[in-house]
Amino acid sequence: METVTTSEPVISLTPGAAEEVKNILTQPENAGKTLRVYVEQGGCSGMQYSMIFDEKRSDDLSAEMHGVSVLVDPFSAKYLRGTVVDFSNDLTSGGFKISNPNAKQSCGCGKSFEA
């Protein structure tokens, strides 16, 4: 079975997020891996966002933007469709930022949401 590529990506990366992912992918432990964005049970609002560098799986949805491939599993795709991942270098609130239009309520930490 092959990885499914969709015409409309489940999530989008901003150019800044794509550049940071490219920088992280240059580290030896991430060689040959792909960014995976997913959701899982947990966090203060019921569901939480996670990002890892992983291998492709047969049922993954895949998209490429700004030279970076992104994987999303079918379960997470239901919650992440339309989500934008950005990156900020700010000292106080820097890091990856996830903006999800499907979240009914988000937590102050920015890492969890209510579906």
C-alpha atoms as a PDB file:
ATOM      1  CA  MET A   1       0.000   0.000   0.000  1.00  0.00           C
ATOM      2  CA  GLU A   2       1.332   3.482  -0.843  1.00  0.00           C
ATOM      3  CA  THR A   3       1.225   6.731   1.071  1.00  0.00           C
ATOM      4  CA  VAL A   4      -1.848   8.761   0.113  1.00  0.00           C
ATOM      5  CA  THR A   5      -1.100  12.210  -1.310  1.00  0.00           C
ATOM      6  CA  THR A   6      -3.988  14.642  -1.173  1.00  0.00           C
ATOM      7  CA  SER A   7      -4.534  17.601  -3.494  1.00  0.00           C
ATOM      8  CA  GLU A   8      -5.465  19.821  -0.545  1.00  0.00           C
ATOM      9  CA  PRO A   9      -3.038  19.394   2.329  1.00  0.00           C
ATOM     10  CA  VAL A  10      -4.516  18.579   5.729  1.00  0.00           C
ATOM     11  CA  ILE A  11      -2.176  21.111   7.320  1.00  0.00           C
ATOM     12  CA  SER A  12      -0.001  23.935   6.025  1.00  0.00           C
ATOM     13  CA  LEU A  13       3.435  25.114   7.082  1.00  0.00           C
ATOM     14  CA  THR A  14       4.381  28.768   6.914  1.00  0.00           C
ATOM     15  CA  PRO A  15       7.743  29.530   5.246  1.00  0.00           C
ATOM     16  CA  GLY A  16       9.233  30.172   8.718  1.00  0.00           C
ATOM     17  CA  ALA A  17       8.062  26.791  10.030  1.00  0.00           C
ATOM     18  CA  ALA A  18       9.385  25.040   6.920  1.00  0.00           C
ATOM     19  CA  GLU A  19      12.829  26.645   7.387  1.00  0.00           C
ATOM     20  CA  GLU A  20      12.984  25.515  11.021  1.00  0.00           C
ATOM     21  CA  VAL A  21      11.965  21.965  10.037  1.00  0.00           C
ATOM     22  CA  LYS A  22      14.729  21.946   7.386  1.00  0.00           C
ATOM     23  CA  ASN A  23      17.236  23.036  10.057  1.00  0.00           C
ATOM     24  CA  ILE A  24      16.105  20.246  12.404  1.00  0.00           C
ATOM     25  CA  LEU A  25      16.286  17.677   9.597  1.00  0.00           C
ATOM     26  CA  THR A  26      20.017  18.418   9.170  1.00  0.00           C
ATOM     27  CA  GLN A  27      20.685  16.804  12.563  1.00  0.00           C
ATOM     28  CA  PRO A  28      22.036  13.241  12.132  1.00  0.00           C
ATOM     29  CA  GLU A  29      19.340  11.602  14.285  1.00  0.00           C
ATOM     30  CA  ASN A  30      16.651  12.945  11.915  1.00  0.00           C
ATOM     31  CA  ALA A  31      18.309  11.871   8.638  1.00  0.00           C
ATOM     32  CA  GLY A  32      15.810  10.339   6.221  1.00  0.00           C
ATOM     33  CA  LYS A  33      12.807  11.129   8.418  1.00  0.00           C
ATOM     34  CA  THR A  34       9.725  13.244   7.747  1.00  0.00           C
ATOM     35  CA  LEU A  35       7.809  15.679   9.937  1.00  0.00           C
ATOM     36  CA  ARG A  36       4.677  14.106  11.422  1.00  0.00           C
ATOM     37  CA  VAL A  37       1.974  16.271  13.018  1.00  0.00           C
ATOM     38  CA  TYR A  38      -0.664  14.433  15.032  1.00  0.00           C
ATOM     39  CA  VAL A  39      -3.143  14.676  17.865  1.00  0.00           C
ATOM     40  CA  GLU A  40      -3.581  12.398  20.851  1.00  0.00           C
ATOM     41  CA  GLN A  41      -5.688  12.213  23.983  1.00  0.00           C
ATOM     42  CA  GLY A  42      -4.329  14.401  26.758  1.00  0.00           C
ATOM     43  CA  GLY A  43      -3.498  17.954  27.661  1.00  0.00           C
ATOM     44  CA  CYS A  44      -5.655  20.300  29.710  1.00  0.00           C
ATOM     45  CA  SER A  45      -8.405  20.531  27.066  1.00  0.00           C
ATOM     46  CA  GLY A  46      -8.819  16.862  26.085  1.00  0.00           C
ATOM     47  CA  MET A  47      -6.626  16.584  22.970  1.00  0.00           C
ATOM     48  CA  GLN A  48      -3.049  17.687  22.449  1.00  0.00           C
ATOM     49  CA  TYR A  49      -0.855  18.430  19.448  1.00  0.00           C
ATOM     50  CA  SER A  50       2.412  16.592  18.857  1.00  0.00           C
ATOM     51  CA  MET A  51       5.131  16.781  16.250  1.00  0.00           C
ATOM     52  CA  ILE A  52       7.882  14.208  15.670  1.00  0.00           C
ATOM     53  CA  PHE A  53      10.261  13.167  12.923  1.00  0.00           C
ATOM     54  CA  ASP A  54       9.135   9.763  11.759  1.00  0.00           C
ATOM     55  CA  GLU A  55       9.019   7.223   8.951  1.00  0.00           C
ATOM     56  CA  LYS A  56       6.115   7.156   6.487  1.00  0.00           C
ATOM     57  CA  ARG A  57       3.321   4.641   7.125  1.00  0.00           C
ATOM     58  CA  SER A  58       1.077   3.063   4.516  1.00  0.00           C
ATOM     59  CA  ASP A  59      -2.098   4.979   5.441  1.00  0.00           C
ATOM     60  CA  ASP A  60      -0.498   8.419   5.993  1.00  0.00           C
ATOM     61  CA  LEU A  61      -1.725  11.520   4.243  1.00  0.00           C
ATOM     62  CA  SER A  62       1.264  13.398   2.851  1.00  0.00           C
ATOM     63  CA  ALA A  63       1.829  16.893   1.512  1.00  0.00           C
ATOM     64  CA  GLU A  64       4.848  18.980   0.581  1.00  0.00           C
ATOM     65  CA  MET A  65       5.161  22.727   1.085  1.00  0.00           C
ATOM     66  CA  HIS A  66       8.175  25.038   0.946  1.00  0.00           C
ATOM     67  CA  GLY A  67      10.393  21.998   0.313  1.00  0.00           C
ATOM     68  CA  VAL A  68       9.231  20.090   3.413  1.00  0.00           C
ATOM     69  CA  SER A  69       7.106  16.938   3.486  1.00  0.00           C
ATOM     70  CA  VAL A  70       4.504  16.592   6.237  1.00  0.00           C
ATOM     71  CA  LEU A  71       2.749  13.403   7.333  1.00  0.00           C
ATOM     72  CA  VAL A  72      -0.635  13.164   9.068  1.00  0.00           C
ATOM     73  CA  ASP A  73      -2.319   9.913  10.069  1.00  0.00           C
ATOM     74  CA  PRO A  74      -6.029   9.445   9.178  1.00  0.00           C
ATOM     75  CA  PHE A  75      -7.223   9.788  12.825  1.00  0.00           C
ATOM     76  CA  SER A  76      -5.394  13.103  13.296  1.00  0.00           C
ATOM     77  CA  ALA A  77      -6.509  14.404   9.892  1.00  0.00           C
ATOM     78  CA  LYS A  78     -10.105  14.589  11.171  1.00  0.00           C
ATOM     79  CA  TYR A  79      -8.993  17.104  13.814  1.00  0.00           C
ATOM     80  CA  LEU A  80      -6.239  18.921  11.916  1.00  0.00           C
ATOM     81  CA  ARG A  81      -7.820  19.770   8.536  1.00  0.00           C
ATOM     82  CA  GLY A  82      -7.092  23.443   7.775  1.00  0.00           C
ATOM     83  CA  THR A  83      -4.469  23.789  10.517  1.00  0.00           C
ATOM     84  CA  VAL A  84      -1.480  26.106  10.004  1.00  0.00           C
ATOM     85  CA  VAL A  85       1.880  25.490  11.674  1.00  0.00           C
ATOM     86  CA  ASP A  86       4.104  28.553  12.153  1.00  0.00           C
ATOM     87  CA  PHE A  87       7.433  29.121  13.889  1.00  0.00           C
ATOM     88  CA  SER A  88       8.626  32.096  15.924  1.00  0.00           C
ATOM     89  CA  ASN A  89      12.099  32.945  17.239  1.00  0.00           C
ATOM     90  CA  ASP A  90      10.709  35.132  20.042  1.00  0.00           C
ATOM     91  CA  LEU A  91      12.598  34.681  23.311  1.00  0.00           C
ATOM     92  CA  THR A  92       9.503  34.640  25.513  1.00  0.00           C
ATOM     93  CA  SER A  93       6.983  32.765  23.368  1.00  0.00           C
ATOM     94  CA  GLY A  94       9.069  31.253  20.593  1.00  0.00           C
ATOM     95  CA  GLY A  95       8.699  27.835  19.013  1.00  0.00           C
ATOM     96  CA  PHE A  96       6.179  26.142  16.776  1.00  0.00           C
ATOM     97  CA  LYS A  97       2.653  27.591  16.895  1.00  0.00           C
ATOM     98  CA  ILE A  98      -0.380  25.605  15.753  1.00  0.00           C
ATOM     99  CA  SER A  99      -3.525  27.425  14.604  1.00  0.00           C
ATOM    100  CA  ASN A 100      -6.427  24.998  14.269  1.00  0.00           C
ATOM    101  CA  PRO A 101      -9.768  26.286  12.924  1.00  0.00           C
ATOM    102  CA  ASN A 102     -11.492  23.099  14.198  1.00  0.00           C
ATOM    103  CA  ALA A 103     -10.652  23.652  17.860  1.00  0.00           C
ATOM    104  CA  LYS A 104     -13.749  24.638  19.841  1.00  0.00           C
ATOM    105  CA  GLN A 105     -11.553  25.809  22.688  1.00  0.00           C
ATOM    106  CA  SER A 106      -7.785  26.047  23.070  1.00  0.00           C
ATOM    107  CA  CYS A 107      -5.711  25.992  26.209  1.00  0.00           C
ATOM    108  CA  GLY A 108      -3.460  28.856  27.263  1.00  0.00           C
ATOM    109  CA  CYS A 109      -0.412  26.641  26.690  1.00  0.00           C
ATOM    110  CA  GLY A 110      -1.260  26.423  22.961  1.00  0.00           C
ATOM    111  CA  LYS A 111      -0.582  22.700  22.930  1.00  0.00           C
ATOM    112  CA  SER A 112      -4.012  21.314  23.711  1.00  0.00           C
ATOM    113  CA  PHE A 113      -7.540  21.874  22.473  1.00  0.00           C
ATOM    114  CA  GLU A 114     -11.117  20.696  22.738  1.00  0.00           C
ATOM    115  CA  ALA A 115     -12.538  19.065  19.616  1.00  0.00           C
END
